[in-house]
Amino acid sequence: MGFIGYIKEEIQIIKERDPAVKTSLEVFLYPSFHAILRYRIAHKLYLKKHYFLARWYSQRTARKTGIEIHPGATIGKGLFIDHGHGVVIGETAIVGDNVTLYQGVTLGGTGKESGKRHPTIGNNVMISAGAKILGSFTVGENSKIGAGSVVLSEIPPNSTVVGVPGRVVKRDNVKIPREDMDQVHYPDPITCDIIKLQQANVDLMEKLLEVCDRLKKLEI
């Protein structure tokens, strides 16, 4: 794909996933558009071992856009970063195709690993605002990470994750985040646990009443 073709593809991706865009020209105002385009250039420099030049270019981009993507990161096609301020993608992160990141997302390390230090994000994953994915593990394809979640371990494909630390609250939800951009309607694991406890309490009370009735009958 040539440079013009790549620009057209990026414009289409942003128009497709952000309902606020009314015209193609608006895309050129998006920090994420410039951040991803500049990342592609810096990444090529990095692969050619022009490390200082690649980092210099990526740091200039971070100052201009608020989005910091290390030139060593590997990013597939169709990445969309909505708003984008505070997004950080580490050097050994691998991001699959058609991934969506919202503002404040970090794909970082824990400071304990060497070599592959950052997460691998599968295809069609959506990571909501403020979520932190920390460590060298995989977030399976078609998964959704809830806003503010802190994910520290492997996530199976087709999962919905919420909380601190992140926990899987739904499996096999195969809606593709590229088509379903809902960041809000996730199951609440605390509410779910409370409902289960309430139901267990009701069941115990019913059994206790049954035992009491039997004891009364025996006394008669």
N, C-alpha and C. Protein backbone atom coordinates (compact mmCIF):
# COMPACT_ATOMS: atom_id res chain seq x y z
N MET A 1 0.85 -1.20 0.00
CA MET A 1 0.00 0.00 0.00
C MET A 1 0.88 1.25 0.00
N GLY A 2 0.60 2.18 -0.89
CA GLY A 2 1.35 3.43 -0.96
C GLY A 2 0.94 4.39 0.14
N PHE A 3 1.65 5.51 0.20
CA PHE A 3 1.42 6.50 1.25
C PHE A 3 0.00 7.05 1.18
N ILE A 4 -0.47 7.38 -0.02
CA ILE A 4 -1.83 7.92 -0.18
C ILE A 4 -2.87 6.91 0.24
N GLY A 5 -2.64 5.65 -0.14
CA GLY A 5 -3.56 4.59 0.25
C GLY A 5 -3.63 4.42 1.75
N TYR A 6 -2.47 4.54 2.41
CA TYR A 6 -2.43 4.42 3.86
C TYR A 6 -3.21 5.57 4.52
N ILE A 7 -3.03 6.78 4.00
CA ILE A 7 -3.75 7.95 4.54
C ILE A 7 -5.26 7.74 4.41
N LYS A 8 -5.69 7.26 3.26
CA LYS A 8 -7.12 7.02 3.04
C LYS A 8 -7.65 5.97 4.01
N GLU A 9 -6.87 4.94 4.26
CA GLU A 9 -7.28 3.89 5.19
C GLU A 9 -7.43 4.44 6.60
N GLU A 10 -6.47 5.27 7.03
CA GLU A 10 -6.53 5.84 8.36
C GLU A 10 -7.73 6.77 8.50
N ILE A 11 -8.02 7.54 7.47
CA ILE A 11 -9.19 8.41 7.50
C ILE A 11 -10.46 7.59 7.66
N GLN A 12 -10.56 6.50 6.92
CA GLN A 12 -11.74 5.64 6.98
C GLN A 12 -11.90 5.02 8.36
N ILE A 13 -10.80 4.61 8.97
CA ILE A 13 -10.85 3.99 10.30
C ILE A 13 -11.41 4.97 11.32
N ILE A 14 -10.91 6.21 11.30
CA ILE A 14 -11.36 7.21 12.28
C ILE A 14 -12.82 7.58 12.03
N LYS A 15 -13.21 7.76 10.78
CA LYS A 15 -14.60 8.10 10.47
C LYS A 15 -15.54 6.97 10.89
N GLU A 16 -15.07 5.75 10.74
CA GLU A 16 -15.90 4.59 11.06
C GLU A 16 -16.15 4.46 12.55
N ARG A 17 -15.14 4.82 13.37
CA ARG A 17 -15.24 4.53 14.81
C ARG A 17 -15.51 5.76 15.67
N ASP A 18 -15.53 6.94 15.09
CA ASP A 18 -15.83 8.13 15.90
C ASP A 18 -17.01 8.86 15.28
N PRO A 19 -18.18 8.79 15.93
CA PRO A 19 -19.37 9.45 15.37
C PRO A 19 -19.27 10.97 15.34
N ALA A 20 -18.28 11.54 16.03
CA ALA A 20 -18.13 13.00 16.05
C ALA A 20 -17.59 13.54 14.74
N VAL A 21 -16.98 12.68 13.92
CA VAL A 21 -16.39 13.13 12.65
C VAL A 21 -17.48 13.31 11.61
N LYS A 22 -17.56 14.50 11.05
CA LYS A 22 -18.57 14.78 10.03
C LYS A 22 -17.95 14.83 8.62
N THR A 23 -16.67 15.23 8.53
CA THR A 23 -16.01 15.32 7.23
C THR A 23 -14.63 14.71 7.32
N SER A 24 -14.09 14.30 6.17
CA SER A 24 -12.76 13.69 6.13
C SER A 24 -11.68 14.66 6.58
N LEU A 25 -11.87 15.95 6.32
CA LEU A 25 -10.85 16.93 6.69
C LEU A 25 -10.66 17.01 8.20
N GLU A 26 -11.71 16.74 8.97
CA GLU A 26 -11.60 16.79 10.42
C GLU A 26 -10.58 15.79 10.95
N VAL A 27 -10.39 14.70 10.23
CA VAL A 27 -9.46 13.66 10.67
C VAL A 27 -8.06 14.22 10.85
N PHE A 28 -7.69 15.20 10.02
CA PHE A 28 -6.34 15.78 10.09
C PHE A 28 -6.14 16.60 11.37
N LEU A 29 -7.23 16.86 12.11
CA LEU A 29 -7.12 17.58 13.38
C LEU A 29 -6.90 16.61 14.55
N TYR A 30 -7.02 15.32 14.31
CA TYR A 30 -6.95 14.33 15.37
C TYR A 30 -5.51 14.03 15.76
N PRO A 31 -5.15 14.17 17.05
CA PRO A 31 -3.79 13.81 17.48
C PRO A 31 -3.43 12.37 17.15
N SER A 32 -4.42 11.46 17.27
CA SER A 32 -4.13 10.05 17.02
C SER A 32 -3.72 9.80 15.57
N PHE A 33 -4.32 10.55 14.65
CA PHE A 33 -3.97 10.41 13.23
C PHE A 33 -2.49 10.70 13.03
N HIS A 34 -2.04 11.80 13.61
CA HIS A 34 -0.63 12.19 13.45
C HIS A 34 0.29 11.26 14.24
N ALA A 35 -0.15 10.83 15.44
CA ALA A 35 0.68 9.96 16.26
C ALA A 35 0.95 8.63 15.58
N ILE A 36 -0.08 8.04 14.98
CA ILE A 36 0.09 6.74 14.33
C ILE A 36 0.91 6.88 13.06
N LEU A 37 0.65 7.94 12.30
CA LEU A 37 1.41 8.16 11.07
C LEU A 37 2.89 8.35 11.41
N ARG A 38 3.19 9.13 12.42
CA ARG A 38 4.58 9.38 12.81
C ARG A 38 5.21 8.12 13.41
N TYR A 39 4.41 7.33 14.13
CA TYR A 39 4.94 6.06 14.65
C TYR A 39 5.44 5.19 13.51
N ARG A 40 4.67 5.12 12.41
CA ARG A 40 5.08 4.25 11.28
C ARG A 40 6.45 4.67 10.76
N ILE A 41 6.68 5.96 10.70
CA ILE A 41 7.98 6.47 10.23
C ILE A 41 9.07 6.12 11.24
N ALA A 42 8.80 6.39 12.52
CA ALA A 42 9.79 6.11 13.56
C ALA A 42 10.10 4.61 13.64
N HIS A 43 9.09 3.79 13.45
CA HIS A 43 9.29 2.34 13.51
C HIS A 43 10.22 1.86 12.39
N LYS A 44 10.07 2.43 11.22
CA LYS A 44 10.97 2.07 10.11
C LYS A 44 12.41 2.46 10.45
N LEU A 45 12.58 3.63 11.05
CA LEU A 45 13.93 4.05 11.47
C LEU A 45 14.49 3.09 12.52
N TYR A 46 13.63 2.67 13.43
CA TYR A 46 14.04 1.76 14.50
C TYR A 46 14.49 0.41 13.91
N LEU A 47 13.73 -0.10 12.96
CA LEU A 47 14.08 -1.38 12.34
C LEU A 47 15.40 -1.30 11.58
N LYS A 48 15.73 -0.11 11.10
CA LYS A 48 17.02 0.09 10.42
C LYS A 48 18.15 0.42 11.40
N LYS A 49 17.83 0.31 12.71
CA LYS A 49 18.78 0.52 13.80
C LYS A 49 19.24 1.97 13.94
N HIS A 50 18.41 2.89 13.45
CA HIS A 50 18.66 4.31 13.69
C HIS A 50 17.94 4.68 14.99
N TYR A 51 18.42 4.11 16.10
CA TYR A 51 17.69 4.17 17.35
C TYR A 51 17.52 5.59 17.88
N PHE A 52 18.59 6.37 17.87
CA PHE A 52 18.49 7.73 18.39
C PHE A 52 17.51 8.56 17.58
N LEU A 53 17.61 8.47 16.27
CA LEU A 53 16.73 9.25 15.40
C LEU A 53 15.28 8.82 15.58
N ALA A 54 15.06 7.51 15.73
CA ALA A 54 13.70 7.00 15.93
C ALA A 54 13.12 7.51 17.24
N ARG A 55 13.92 7.47 18.31
CA ARG A 55 13.44 7.96 19.60
C ARG A 55 13.23 9.46 19.60
N TRP A 56 14.11 10.18 18.95
CA TRP A 56 13.97 11.64 18.86
C TRP A 56 12.67 12.00 18.17
N TYR A 57 12.38 11.31 17.08
CA TYR A 57 11.16 11.59 16.32
C TYR A 57 9.91 11.21 17.13
N SER A 58 9.97 10.07 17.82
CA SER A 58 8.81 9.63 18.59
C SER A 58 8.57 10.54 19.79
N GLN A 59 9.65 11.07 20.40
CA GLN A 59 9.48 11.98 21.54
C GLN A 59 8.91 13.33 21.09
N ARG A 60 9.31 13.78 19.94
CA ARG A 60 8.70 15.00 19.38
C ARG A 60 7.21 14.78 19.16
N THR A 61 6.86 13.60 18.68
CA THR A 61 5.46 13.27 18.45
C THR A 61 4.69 13.25 19.77
N ALA A 62 5.29 12.68 20.81
CA ALA A 62 4.64 12.62 22.12
C ALA A 62 4.36 14.02 22.66
N ARG A 63 5.31 14.92 22.49
CA ARG A 63 5.11 16.30 22.96
C ARG A 63 4.02 17.01 22.19
N LYS A 64 3.88 16.70 20.92
CA LYS A 64 2.88 17.37 20.08
C LYS A 64 1.48 16.78 20.26
N THR A 65 1.40 15.48 20.50
CA THR A 65 0.09 14.80 20.48
C THR A 65 -0.37 14.30 21.85
N GLY A 66 0.55 14.18 22.81
CA GLY A 66 0.18 13.59 24.09
C GLY A 66 0.10 12.08 24.05
N ILE A 67 0.52 11.49 22.94
CA ILE A 67 0.48 10.03 22.76
C ILE A 67 1.91 9.54 22.60
N GLU A 68 2.34 8.65 23.48
CA GLU A 68 3.72 8.17 23.44
C GLU A 68 3.76 6.71 22.98
N ILE A 69 4.25 6.51 21.77
CA ILE A 69 4.40 5.16 21.22
C ILE A 69 5.88 4.92 20.98
N HIS A 70 6.44 3.96 21.67
CA HIS A 70 7.86 3.65 21.45
C HIS A 70 8.05 3.13 20.03
N PRO A 71 9.06 3.59 19.34
CA PRO A 71 9.25 3.15 17.94
C PRO A 71 9.53 1.67 17.80
N GLY A 72 9.90 1.00 18.90
CA GLY A 72 10.14 -0.44 18.84
C GLY A 72 8.89 -1.27 18.92
N ALA A 73 7.77 -0.67 19.31
CA ALA A 73 6.51 -1.42 19.41
C ALA A 73 6.08 -1.92 18.04
N THR A 74 5.36 -3.03 18.03
CA THR A 74 4.86 -3.61 16.79
C THR A 74 3.34 -3.43 16.75
N ILE A 75 2.86 -2.69 15.78
CA ILE A 75 1.44 -2.34 15.72
C ILE A 75 0.85 -2.76 14.37
N GLY A 76 -0.24 -3.49 14.41
CA GLY A 76 -0.90 -3.94 13.20
C GLY A 76 -1.71 -2.84 12.55
N LYS A 77 -2.49 -3.20 11.57
CA LYS A 77 -3.30 -2.21 10.85
C LYS A 77 -4.59 -1.92 11.61
N GLY A 78 -5.14 -0.75 11.34
CA GLY A 78 -6.45 -0.42 11.90
C GLY A 78 -6.46 0.01 13.34
N LEU A 79 -5.31 0.44 13.90
CA LEU A 79 -5.31 0.95 15.27
C LEU A 79 -6.04 2.29 15.30
N PHE A 80 -6.95 2.44 16.29
CA PHE A 80 -7.65 3.70 16.50
C PHE A 80 -7.46 4.13 17.94
N ILE A 81 -6.93 5.34 18.14
CA ILE A 81 -6.75 5.90 19.48
C ILE A 81 -7.69 7.10 19.61
N ASP A 82 -8.75 6.93 20.40
CA ASP A 82 -9.75 7.98 20.52
C ASP A 82 -9.31 8.98 21.59
N HIS A 83 -9.33 10.27 21.24
CA HIS A 83 -8.81 11.35 22.09
C HIS A 83 -7.31 11.17 22.27
N GLY A 84 -6.88 10.20 23.06
CA GLY A 84 -5.48 9.79 23.01
C GLY A 84 -4.56 10.34 24.05
N HIS A 85 -4.87 11.47 24.68
CA HIS A 85 -3.93 12.05 25.63
C HIS A 85 -3.62 11.05 26.76
N GLY A 86 -2.34 10.90 27.05
CA GLY A 86 -1.92 10.00 28.11
C GLY A 86 -1.74 8.56 27.69
N VAL A 87 -1.95 8.24 26.43
CA VAL A 87 -1.72 6.87 25.95
C VAL A 87 -0.22 6.59 25.88
N VAL A 88 0.18 5.44 26.42
CA VAL A 88 1.58 5.03 26.39
C VAL A 88 1.65 3.58 25.90
N ILE A 89 2.49 3.35 24.89
CA ILE A 89 2.71 2.00 24.35
C ILE A 89 4.20 1.71 24.42
N GLY A 90 4.57 0.68 25.18
CA GLY A 90 5.97 0.38 25.44
C GLY A 90 6.70 -0.29 24.28
N GLU A 91 8.00 -0.38 24.44
CA GLU A 91 8.90 -0.83 23.37
C GLU A 91 8.58 -2.21 22.84
N THR A 92 8.30 -3.17 23.72
CA THR A 92 8.11 -4.56 23.26
C THR A 92 6.63 -4.93 23.16
N ALA A 93 5.75 -3.93 23.23
CA ALA A 93 4.32 -4.19 23.06
C ALA A 93 4.04 -4.64 21.63
N ILE A 94 3.09 -5.56 21.51
CA ILE A 94 2.61 -6.00 20.20
C ILE A 94 1.10 -5.76 20.17
N VAL A 95 0.66 -5.01 19.19
CA VAL A 95 -0.76 -4.65 19.07
C VAL A 95 -1.28 -5.23 17.76
N GLY A 96 -2.34 -6.02 17.83
CA GLY A 96 -2.89 -6.66 16.65
C GLY A 96 -3.68 -5.71 15.77
N ASP A 97 -4.48 -6.27 14.88
CA ASP A 97 -5.27 -5.49 13.93
C ASP A 97 -6.58 -5.02 14.56
N ASN A 98 -7.02 -3.83 14.11
CA ASN A 98 -8.33 -3.28 14.48
C ASN A 98 -8.51 -3.14 15.99
N VAL A 99 -7.46 -2.70 16.66
CA VAL A 99 -7.52 -2.45 18.11
C VAL A 99 -7.93 -1.01 18.36
N THR A 100 -8.72 -0.80 19.41
CA THR A 100 -9.15 0.54 19.79
C THR A 100 -8.66 0.85 21.20
N LEU A 101 -7.99 1.98 21.36
CA LEU A 101 -7.53 2.45 22.66
C LEU A 101 -8.16 3.80 22.95
N TYR A 102 -8.59 4.01 24.18
CA TYR A 102 -9.10 5.31 24.59
C TYR A 102 -8.05 6.05 25.42
N GLN A 103 -8.36 7.28 25.79
CA GLN A 103 -7.38 8.13 26.46
C GLN A 103 -6.90 7.50 27.76
N GLY A 104 -5.62 7.75 28.08
CA GLY A 104 -5.06 7.30 29.34
C GLY A 104 -4.70 5.83 29.41
N VAL A 105 -4.78 5.12 28.31
CA VAL A 105 -4.43 3.69 28.31
C VAL A 105 -2.91 3.53 28.34
N THR A 106 -2.44 2.57 29.15
CA THR A 106 -1.02 2.23 29.20
C THR A 106 -0.81 0.77 28.86
N LEU A 107 0.04 0.52 27.87
CA LEU A 107 0.51 -0.84 27.59
C LEU A 107 1.96 -0.86 28.07
N GLY A 108 2.14 -1.19 29.34
CA GLY A 108 3.44 -1.02 29.96
C GLY A 108 4.01 -2.29 30.56
N GLY A 109 5.15 -2.13 31.22
CA GLY A 109 5.80 -3.22 31.92
C GLY A 109 5.66 -3.05 33.42
N THR A 110 6.08 -4.06 34.16
CA THR A 110 6.02 -4.01 35.61
C THR A 110 7.36 -3.62 36.22
N GLY A 111 8.39 -3.55 35.39
CA GLY A 111 9.72 -3.24 35.89
C GLY A 111 10.48 -4.46 36.34
N LYS A 112 9.85 -5.64 36.26
CA LYS A 112 10.49 -6.87 36.74
C LYS A 112 11.02 -7.74 35.60
N GLU A 113 10.48 -7.55 34.39
CA GLU A 113 10.86 -8.42 33.29
C GLU A 113 12.06 -7.87 32.54
N SER A 114 12.66 -8.76 31.77
CA SER A 114 13.67 -8.36 30.79
C SER A 114 13.26 -8.97 29.46
N GLY A 115 13.81 -8.46 28.37
CA GLY A 115 13.38 -8.97 27.06
C GLY A 115 12.00 -8.47 26.72
N LYS A 116 11.06 -9.39 26.50
CA LYS A 116 9.67 -9.02 26.21
C LYS A 116 9.02 -8.55 27.50
N ARG A 117 8.82 -7.26 27.63
CA ARG A 117 8.39 -6.67 28.89
C ARG A 117 6.96 -6.15 28.86
N HIS A 118 6.40 -6.01 27.67
CA HIS A 118 5.10 -5.35 27.52
C HIS A 118 4.06 -6.31 26.95
N PRO A 119 2.79 -5.98 27.06
CA PRO A 119 1.75 -6.92 26.65
C PRO A 119 1.61 -7.10 25.15
N THR A 120 0.99 -8.22 24.80
CA THR A 120 0.56 -8.48 23.42
C THR A 120 -0.96 -8.37 23.39
N ILE A 121 -1.46 -7.52 22.51
CA ILE A 121 -2.90 -7.26 22.42
C ILE A 121 -3.42 -7.92 21.14
N GLY A 122 -4.38 -8.83 21.28
CA GLY A 122 -4.91 -9.55 20.12
C GLY A 122 -5.75 -8.67 19.21
N ASN A 123 -6.15 -9.23 18.10
CA ASN A 123 -6.98 -8.51 17.13
C ASN A 123 -8.33 -8.13 17.73
N ASN A 124 -8.85 -6.99 17.30
CA ASN A 124 -10.22 -6.56 17.63
C ASN A 124 -10.46 -6.33 19.12
N VAL A 125 -9.41 -5.96 19.85
CA VAL A 125 -9.56 -5.68 21.28
C VAL A 125 -9.90 -4.20 21.48
N MET A 126 -10.77 -3.92 22.46
CA MET A 126 -11.06 -2.54 22.84
C MET A 126 -10.63 -2.34 24.28
N ILE A 127 -9.80 -1.30 24.51
CA ILE A 127 -9.31 -1.00 25.86
C ILE A 127 -9.82 0.38 26.24
N SER A 128 -10.65 0.44 27.25
CA SER A 128 -11.37 1.67 27.60
C SER A 128 -10.49 2.65 28.37
N ALA A 129 -11.02 3.84 28.58
CA ALA A 129 -10.26 4.96 29.14
C ALA A 129 -9.61 4.62 30.48
N GLY A 130 -8.33 4.97 30.60
CA GLY A 130 -7.63 4.84 31.86
C GLY A 130 -7.17 3.44 32.22
N ALA A 131 -7.41 2.46 31.38
CA ALA A 131 -7.02 1.08 31.70
C ALA A 131 -5.50 0.93 31.58
N LYS A 132 -4.94 0.08 32.44
CA LYS A 132 -3.51 -0.20 32.45
C LYS A 132 -3.29 -1.70 32.24
N ILE A 133 -2.55 -2.03 31.19
CA ILE A 133 -2.21 -3.42 30.91
C ILE A 133 -0.70 -3.54 31.15
N LEU A 134 -0.30 -4.25 32.20
CA LEU A 134 1.09 -4.19 32.64
C LEU A 134 1.69 -5.59 32.70
N GLY A 135 2.68 -5.85 31.86
CA GLY A 135 3.38 -7.12 31.89
C GLY A 135 3.44 -7.79 30.53
N SER A 136 4.23 -8.86 30.47
CA SER A 136 4.46 -9.55 29.19
C SER A 136 3.54 -10.75 29.05
N PHE A 137 2.26 -10.49 28.82
CA PHE A 137 1.27 -11.54 28.63
C PHE A 137 0.34 -11.12 27.49
N THR A 138 -0.62 -11.95 27.17
CA THR A 138 -1.50 -11.70 26.02
C THR A 138 -2.92 -11.38 26.46
N VAL A 139 -3.50 -10.38 25.84
CA VAL A 139 -4.93 -10.12 25.95
C VAL A 139 -5.57 -10.71 24.69
N GLY A 140 -6.39 -11.71 24.86
CA GLY A 140 -6.94 -12.45 23.73
C GLY A 140 -7.82 -11.62 22.82
N GLU A 141 -7.92 -12.05 21.59
CA GLU A 141 -8.67 -11.31 20.57
C GLU A 141 -10.14 -11.18 20.95
N ASN A 142 -10.76 -10.12 20.42
CA ASN A 142 -12.19 -9.82 20.62
C ASN A 142 -12.54 -9.52 22.07
N SER A 143 -11.55 -9.15 22.89
CA SER A 143 -11.83 -8.86 24.30
C SER A 143 -12.06 -7.37 24.52
N LYS A 144 -12.70 -7.06 25.65
CA LYS A 144 -12.92 -5.68 26.06
C LYS A 144 -12.38 -5.49 27.47
N ILE A 145 -11.64 -4.40 27.66
CA ILE A 145 -11.11 -4.07 28.98
C ILE A 145 -11.84 -2.82 29.46
N GLY A 146 -12.46 -2.91 30.62
CA GLY A 146 -13.27 -1.81 31.14
C GLY A 146 -12.44 -0.61 31.58
N ALA A 147 -13.08 0.54 31.64
CA ALA A 147 -12.42 1.79 32.02
C ALA A 147 -11.80 1.68 33.42
N GLY A 148 -10.55 2.12 33.54
CA GLY A 148 -9.87 2.14 34.82
C GLY A 148 -9.37 0.79 35.31
N SER A 149 -9.53 -0.25 34.53
CA SER A 149 -9.08 -1.58 34.96
C SER A 149 -7.56 -1.66 34.96
N VAL A 150 -7.03 -2.50 35.83
CA VAL A 150 -5.59 -2.78 35.86
C VAL A 150 -5.41 -4.27 35.62
N VAL A 151 -4.89 -4.61 34.46
CA VAL A 151 -4.77 -6.01 34.05
C VAL A 151 -3.32 -6.45 34.20
N LEU A 152 -3.12 -7.53 34.97
CA LEU A 152 -1.77 -7.97 35.31
C LEU A 152 -1.49 -9.41 34.90
N SER A 153 -2.45 -10.06 34.24
CA SER A 153 -2.24 -11.45 33.85
C SER A 153 -3.02 -11.77 32.58
N GLU A 154 -2.76 -12.95 32.02
CA GLU A 154 -3.32 -13.40 30.74
C GLU A 154 -4.84 -13.28 30.71
N ILE A 155 -5.36 -12.84 29.57
CA ILE A 155 -6.80 -12.73 29.37
C ILE A 155 -7.19 -13.62 28.19
N PRO A 156 -8.11 -14.55 28.36
CA PRO A 156 -8.53 -15.42 27.25
C PRO A 156 -9.25 -14.62 26.17
N PRO A 157 -9.32 -15.16 24.96
CA PRO A 157 -10.08 -14.50 23.90
C PRO A 157 -11.55 -14.34 24.27
N ASN A 158 -12.21 -13.37 23.65
CA ASN A 158 -13.66 -13.16 23.79
C ASN A 158 -14.08 -12.89 25.24
N SER A 159 -13.24 -12.15 25.97
CA SER A 159 -13.53 -11.88 27.38
C SER A 159 -13.87 -10.41 27.61
N THR A 160 -14.60 -10.16 28.69
CA THR A 160 -14.82 -8.80 29.18
C THR A 160 -14.18 -8.72 30.56
N VAL A 161 -13.33 -7.69 30.76
CA VAL A 161 -12.55 -7.59 31.99
C VAL A 161 -12.83 -6.25 32.66
N VAL A 162 -13.07 -6.27 33.97
CA VAL A 162 -13.25 -5.04 34.73
C VAL A 162 -12.53 -5.16 36.07
N GLY A 163 -12.25 -4.02 36.71
CA GLY A 163 -11.79 -4.01 38.07
C GLY A 163 -10.30 -3.83 38.26
N VAL A 164 -9.92 -3.73 39.56
CA VAL A 164 -8.52 -3.58 39.97
C VAL A 164 -8.26 -4.60 41.08
N PRO A 165 -7.50 -5.65 40.85
CA PRO A 165 -6.95 -6.01 39.53
C PRO A 165 -8.05 -6.51 38.60
N GLY A 166 -7.78 -6.47 37.32
CA GLY A 166 -8.78 -6.87 36.33
C GLY A 166 -9.19 -8.32 36.47
N ARG A 167 -10.48 -8.57 36.35
CA ARG A 167 -10.98 -9.94 36.39
C ARG A 167 -11.97 -10.14 35.27
N VAL A 168 -12.02 -11.36 34.75
CA VAL A 168 -12.93 -11.68 33.65
C VAL A 168 -14.34 -11.82 34.21
N VAL A 169 -15.28 -11.05 33.68
CA VAL A 169 -16.66 -11.13 34.13
C VAL A 169 -17.59 -11.67 33.05
N LYS A 170 -17.06 -11.85 31.86
CA LYS A 170 -17.88 -12.41 30.78
C LYS A 170 -16.96 -13.09 29.79
N ARG A 171 -17.37 -14.23 29.28
CA ARG A 171 -16.60 -14.95 28.29
C ARG A 171 -17.45 -15.19 27.04
N ASP A 172 -16.76 -15.38 25.93
CA ASP A 172 -17.41 -15.72 24.66
C ASP A 172 -18.41 -14.68 24.19
N ASN A 173 -18.13 -13.42 24.51
CA ASN A 173 -18.89 -12.33 23.91
C ASN A 173 -18.17 -11.97 22.62
N VAL A 174 -18.68 -12.44 21.50
CA VAL A 174 -17.93 -12.36 20.25
C VAL A 174 -18.22 -11.11 19.45
N LYS A 175 -18.93 -10.14 20.04
CA LYS A 175 -19.08 -8.87 19.34
C LYS A 175 -17.72 -8.24 19.13
N ILE A 176 -17.47 -7.76 17.94
CA ILE A 176 -16.17 -7.17 17.62
C ILE A 176 -16.16 -5.71 18.04
N PRO A 177 -15.20 -5.29 18.89
CA PRO A 177 -15.17 -3.90 19.36
C PRO A 177 -15.13 -2.88 18.24
N ARG A 178 -14.60 -3.25 17.06
CA ARG A 178 -14.58 -2.29 15.95
C ARG A 178 -16.00 -1.88 15.59
N GLU A 179 -16.95 -2.79 15.81
CA GLU A 179 -18.34 -2.49 15.48
C GLU A 179 -19.14 -2.08 16.71
N ASP A 180 -18.69 -2.49 17.87
CA ASP A 180 -19.41 -2.19 19.12
C ASP A 180 -18.48 -1.40 20.03
N MET A 181 -18.66 -0.07 20.07
CA MET A 181 -17.73 0.82 20.78
C MET A 181 -18.21 1.17 22.18
N ASP A 182 -19.15 0.37 22.73
CA ASP A 182 -19.73 0.66 24.04
C ASP A 182 -18.70 0.39 25.14
N GLN A 183 -18.31 1.46 25.88
CA GLN A 183 -17.37 1.32 26.99
C GLN A 183 -18.07 1.27 28.34
N VAL A 184 -19.38 1.35 28.37
CA VAL A 184 -20.10 1.61 29.61
C VAL A 184 -20.80 0.38 30.17
N HIS A 185 -21.49 -0.36 29.34
CA HIS A 185 -22.39 -1.41 29.83
C HIS A 185 -21.64 -2.72 30.03
N TYR A 186 -20.86 -2.76 31.12
CA TYR A 186 -20.16 -3.97 31.52
C TYR A 186 -20.85 -4.55 32.76
N PRO A 187 -20.73 -5.85 32.96
CA PRO A 187 -21.22 -6.41 34.23
C PRO A 187 -20.43 -5.83 35.39
N ASP A 188 -21.09 -5.64 36.54
CA ASP A 188 -20.43 -5.15 37.74
C ASP A 188 -20.15 -6.37 38.64
N PRO A 189 -18.89 -6.78 38.77
CA PRO A 189 -18.60 -8.01 39.52
C PRO A 189 -19.00 -7.92 40.98
N ILE A 190 -18.91 -6.74 41.60
CA ILE A 190 -19.27 -6.60 43.01
C ILE A 190 -20.78 -6.76 43.18
N THR A 191 -21.55 -6.11 42.30
CA THR A 191 -23.00 -6.26 42.35
C THR A 191 -23.41 -7.70 42.12
N CYS A 192 -22.75 -8.36 41.15
CA CYS A 192 -23.06 -9.77 40.87
C CYS A 192 -22.79 -10.64 42.09
N ASP A 193 -21.68 -10.38 42.79
CA ASP A 193 -21.36 -11.17 43.99
C ASP A 193 -22.38 -10.92 45.09
N ILE A 194 -22.81 -9.66 45.25
CA ILE A 194 -23.80 -9.33 46.28
C ILE A 194 -25.12 -10.04 45.99
N ILE A 195 -25.53 -10.05 44.72
CA ILE A 195 -26.78 -10.71 44.33
C ILE A 195 -26.70 -12.21 44.63
N LYS A 196 -25.54 -12.81 44.34
CA LYS A 196 -25.36 -14.24 44.63
C LYS A 196 -25.45 -14.52 46.13
N LEU A 197 -24.81 -13.63 46.94
CA LEU A 197 -24.85 -13.80 48.40
C LEU A 197 -26.28 -13.64 48.93
N GLN A 198 -27.01 -12.67 48.37
CA GLN A 198 -28.39 -12.45 48.80
C GLN A 198 -29.25 -13.68 48.49
N GLN A 199 -29.05 -14.25 47.30
CA GLN A 199 -29.82 -15.43 46.92
C GLN A 199 -29.46 -16.63 47.81
N ALA A 200 -28.15 -16.75 48.12
CA ALA A 200 -27.72 -17.84 49.00
C ALA A 200 -28.34 -17.68 50.39
N ASN A 201 -28.45 -16.44 50.86
CA ASN A 201 -29.06 -16.17 52.16
C ASN A 201 -30.53 -16.54 52.16
N VAL A 202 -31.24 -16.21 51.07
CA VAL A 202 -32.66 -16.57 50.95
C VAL A 202 -32.83 -18.08 50.97
N ASP A 203 -31.96 -18.79 50.24
CA ASP A 203 -32.04 -20.26 50.20
C ASP A 203 -31.81 -20.86 51.58
N LEU A 204 -30.83 -20.32 52.32
CA LEU A 204 -30.55 -20.82 53.66
C LEU A 204 -31.72 -20.58 54.61
N MET A 205 -32.33 -19.39 54.50
CA MET A 205 -33.48 -19.08 55.35
C MET A 205 -34.64 -20.02 55.07
N GLU A 206 -34.88 -20.34 53.81
CA GLU A 206 -35.96 -21.26 53.45
C GLU A 206 -35.71 -22.65 54.03
N LYS A 207 -34.44 -23.09 53.94
CA LYS A 207 -34.10 -24.41 54.48
C LYS A 207 -34.24 -24.42 56.00
N LEU A 208 -33.84 -23.32 56.64
CA LEU A 208 -33.95 -23.22 58.10
C LEU A 208 -35.41 -23.27 58.55
N LEU A 209 -36.29 -22.58 57.81
CA LEU A 209 -37.71 -22.59 58.14
C LEU A 209 -38.30 -23.99 57.97
N GLU A 210 -37.85 -24.69 56.94
CA GLU A 210 -38.31 -26.07 56.73
C GLU A 210 -37.92 -26.96 57.90
N VAL A 211 -36.66 -26.80 58.36
CA VAL A 211 -36.19 -27.59 59.50
C VAL A 211 -37.00 -27.26 60.76
N CYS A 212 -37.26 -25.98 60.97
CA CYS A 212 -38.05 -25.55 62.14
C CYS A 212 -39.46 -26.16 62.11
N ASP A 213 -40.07 -26.15 60.91
CA ASP A 213 -41.43 -26.73 60.77
C ASP A 213 -41.40 -28.22 61.10
N ARG A 214 -40.39 -28.94 60.66
CA ARG A 214 -40.29 -30.36 60.92
C ARG A 214 -40.12 -30.62 62.40
N LEU A 215 -39.29 -29.80 63.07
CA LEU A 215 -39.07 -29.96 64.50
C LEU A 215 -40.37 -29.73 65.29
N LYS A 216 -41.15 -28.73 64.87
CA LYS A 216 -42.43 -28.45 65.54
C LYS A 216 -43.38 -29.63 65.40
N LYS A 217 -43.43 -30.24 64.23
CA LYS A 217 -44.30 -31.37 63.98
C LYS A 217 -43.88 -32.57 64.85
N LEU A 218 -42.57 -32.75 65.01
CA LEU A 218 -42.06 -33.84 65.83
C LEU A 218 -42.42 -33.65 67.29
N GLU A 219 -42.43 -32.41 67.77
CA GLU A 219 -42.77 -32.11 69.15
C GLU A 219 -44.24 -32.42 69.41
N ILE A 220 -45.09 -32.21 68.40
CA ILE A 220 -46.52 -32.49 68.55
C ILE A 220 -46.73 -34.00 68.65
